[in-house]
Protein backbone atom coordinates (compact mmCIF):
# COMPACT_ATOMS: atom_id res chain seq x y z
CA MET A 1 1.21 0.42 -20.92
CA GLU A 2 3.99 -0.53 -18.55
CA LYS A 3 3.31 -2.20 -15.24
CA THR A 4 5.33 -0.49 -12.61
CA ILE A 5 5.75 -1.72 -8.95
CA VAL A 6 5.46 1.00 -6.36
CA ILE A 7 6.79 0.45 -2.79
CA ILE A 8 4.71 2.41 -0.23
CA GLU A 9 6.31 2.61 3.19
CA ARG A 10 5.70 4.41 6.43
CA ASN A 11 8.28 6.76 7.51
CA ASP A 12 9.51 7.20 11.19
CA ASP A 13 7.77 10.48 11.38
CA GLY A 14 4.46 9.02 10.46
CA SER A 15 4.37 10.14 6.93
CA PHE A 16 4.35 7.87 3.86
CA THR A 17 6.49 7.68 0.78
CA ALA A 18 5.69 5.88 -2.67
CA ILE A 19 8.67 4.97 -4.64
CA PRO A 20 8.17 3.63 -8.07
CA GLN A 21 10.62 0.87 -9.41
CA HIS A 22 11.35 1.72 -12.98
CA LYS A 23 14.29 2.04 -15.35
CA HIS A 24 13.64 5.38 -16.86
CA LYS A 25 15.93 8.50 -16.82
CA ILE A 26 13.52 10.60 -14.72
CA GLY A 27 12.65 10.16 -10.93
CA PHE A 28 9.28 10.92 -9.35
CA ILE A 29 7.83 9.87 -6.02
CA GLY A 30 4.82 10.41 -3.84
CA MET A 31 4.85 11.63 -0.27
CA GLY A 32 1.92 12.43 2.07
CA ALA A 33 0.34 12.40 5.53
CA SER A 34 -1.81 9.35 4.43
CA VAL A 35 -1.45 6.50 1.97
CA LYS A 36 -4.19 7.87 -0.12
CA GLU A 37 -2.61 11.31 -0.14
CA THR A 38 0.75 9.68 -1.09
CA MET A 39 -0.76 7.83 -3.95
CA GLU A 40 -2.48 11.05 -5.26
CA ASP A 41 0.97 12.73 -4.91
CA LEU A 42 2.61 10.00 -6.78
CA GLN A 43 0.18 10.40 -9.73
CA TYR A 44 0.72 14.15 -9.73
CA SER A 45 4.47 13.60 -9.82
CA TYR A 46 4.13 11.10 -12.61
CA THR A 47 2.10 13.57 -14.48
CA GLU A 48 4.73 16.25 -14.18
CA ALA A 49 7.54 13.71 -15.04
CA LYS A 50 5.55 13.07 -18.39
CA GLN A 51 5.57 16.80 -19.15
CA ILE A 52 9.32 16.96 -18.66
CA LEU A 53 10.02 13.65 -20.53
CA PRO A 54 7.35 13.00 -23.02
CA SER A 55 8.90 9.65 -23.88
CA LEU A 56 8.05 8.34 -20.48
CA PRO A 57 5.59 5.53 -21.13
CA GLU A 58 2.08 5.17 -19.75
CA MET A 59 2.35 3.39 -16.45
CA GLU A 60 0.03 1.17 -14.56
CA PHE A 61 1.00 1.11 -10.83
CA GLU A 62 0.98 -1.99 -8.78
CA TYR A 63 1.39 -1.15 -5.08
CA LYS A 64 3.42 -3.15 -2.54
CA PHE A 65 2.95 -1.97 1.04
CA ASP A 66 4.87 -2.37 4.20
CA THR A 67 2.64 -3.53 7.01
CA ALA A 68 1.97 -0.17 8.57
CA SER A 69 1.10 1.47 5.20
CA PHE A 70 -1.22 -1.42 4.25
CA LEU A 71 -3.01 -1.15 7.71
CA GLN A 72 -3.40 2.56 7.29
CA TYR A 73 -4.59 2.14 3.62
CA ILE A 74 -7.19 -0.47 4.55
CA ASN A 75 -8.47 1.42 7.56
CA GLY A 76 -11.91 2.84 6.78
CA LYS A 77 -12.60 -0.02 4.43
CA LEU A 78 -12.11 -2.72 7.12
CA ASN A 79 -11.48 -1.90 10.78
CA PHE A 80 -8.97 -3.74 12.97
CA ALA A 81 -11.71 -6.05 14.47
CA ASP A 82 -12.41 -7.23 10.90
CA LEU A 83 -8.79 -7.73 10.08
CA GLN A 84 -8.53 -9.68 13.40
CA THR A 85 -11.17 -11.99 12.07
CA ILE A 86 -9.56 -12.24 8.62
CA THR A 87 -5.88 -12.74 9.87
CA GLY A 88 -6.20 -14.12 13.42
CA ILE A 89 -4.01 -11.48 14.71
CA ASN A 90 -5.30 -9.39 17.80
CA ARG A 91 -6.75 -5.98 16.63
CA HIS A 92 -4.61 -4.21 19.30
CA GLN A 93 -1.57 -5.59 17.86
CA LEU A 94 -2.56 -4.60 14.40
CA SER A 95 -3.18 -1.07 15.72
CA HIS A 96 0.42 -1.08 17.13
CA TYR A 97 1.81 -2.10 13.69
CA ALA A 98 -0.36 0.68 11.95
CA THR A 99 0.99 3.40 14.11
CA GLY A 100 4.57 2.13 14.10
CA GLN A 101 4.62 1.41 17.84
CA SER A 102 5.97 -2.07 17.05
CA ARG A 103 6.87 -3.96 13.85
CA PRO A 104 5.54 -7.27 12.93
CA SER A 105 7.86 -10.30 12.39
CA SER A 106 8.17 -11.87 9.08
CA LYS A 107 5.99 -14.67 10.24
CA THR A 108 3.30 -12.20 11.29
CA VAL A 109 3.52 -10.35 7.85
CA GLN A 110 3.04 -13.62 6.21
CA ARG A 111 -0.04 -14.37 8.31
CA ILE A 112 -1.56 -11.03 7.36
CA GLN A 113 -0.66 -11.55 3.67
CA GLU A 114 -2.25 -15.05 3.74
CA GLY A 115 -5.39 -13.87 5.68
CA ILE A 116 -6.00 -11.05 3.08
CA LEU A 117 -5.38 -13.34 0.17
CA ARG A 118 -7.70 -15.92 1.48
CA PHE A 119 -10.46 -13.22 2.09
CA SER A 120 -10.00 -11.70 -1.33
CA GLN A 121 -10.32 -15.12 -2.91
CA GLU A 122 -13.55 -15.66 -0.89
CA LEU A 123 -14.83 -12.39 -2.21
CA SER A 124 -13.97 -13.07 -5.67
CA HIS A 125 -16.37 -16.18 -5.71
CA ILE A 126 -19.39 -14.11 -4.58
CA LYS A 127 -21.86 -13.11 -7.25
CA LEU A 128 -24.62 -10.66 -6.34
CA ILE A 129 -28.15 -11.16 -7.87
């Protein structure tokens, strides 16, 4: 199975696009009104591409998100108040990033990334009995 990086970005019109980074002779992307819809469309497009080009290998997608896409994706799993606790960034500012009203600086993106990684490491050490 081939690991394939997929970049998911929020477009200026509020929709999302998923673009796989691969070297094969066929293109396929995902588009949608939400990140989930975009990921589903990518999977559908990949299935169609495999029908057209049977030699296309099985792919395992690894997603990389821009900040707005990540915040939209995580919404419903964690709310902005939870993310404020995890990242130290005001929930109203996180909301502005999610809707595209403003864009985070590279330093802020790094803070969000570090907070999420720290939180995921904490969760990885939990064992339920």
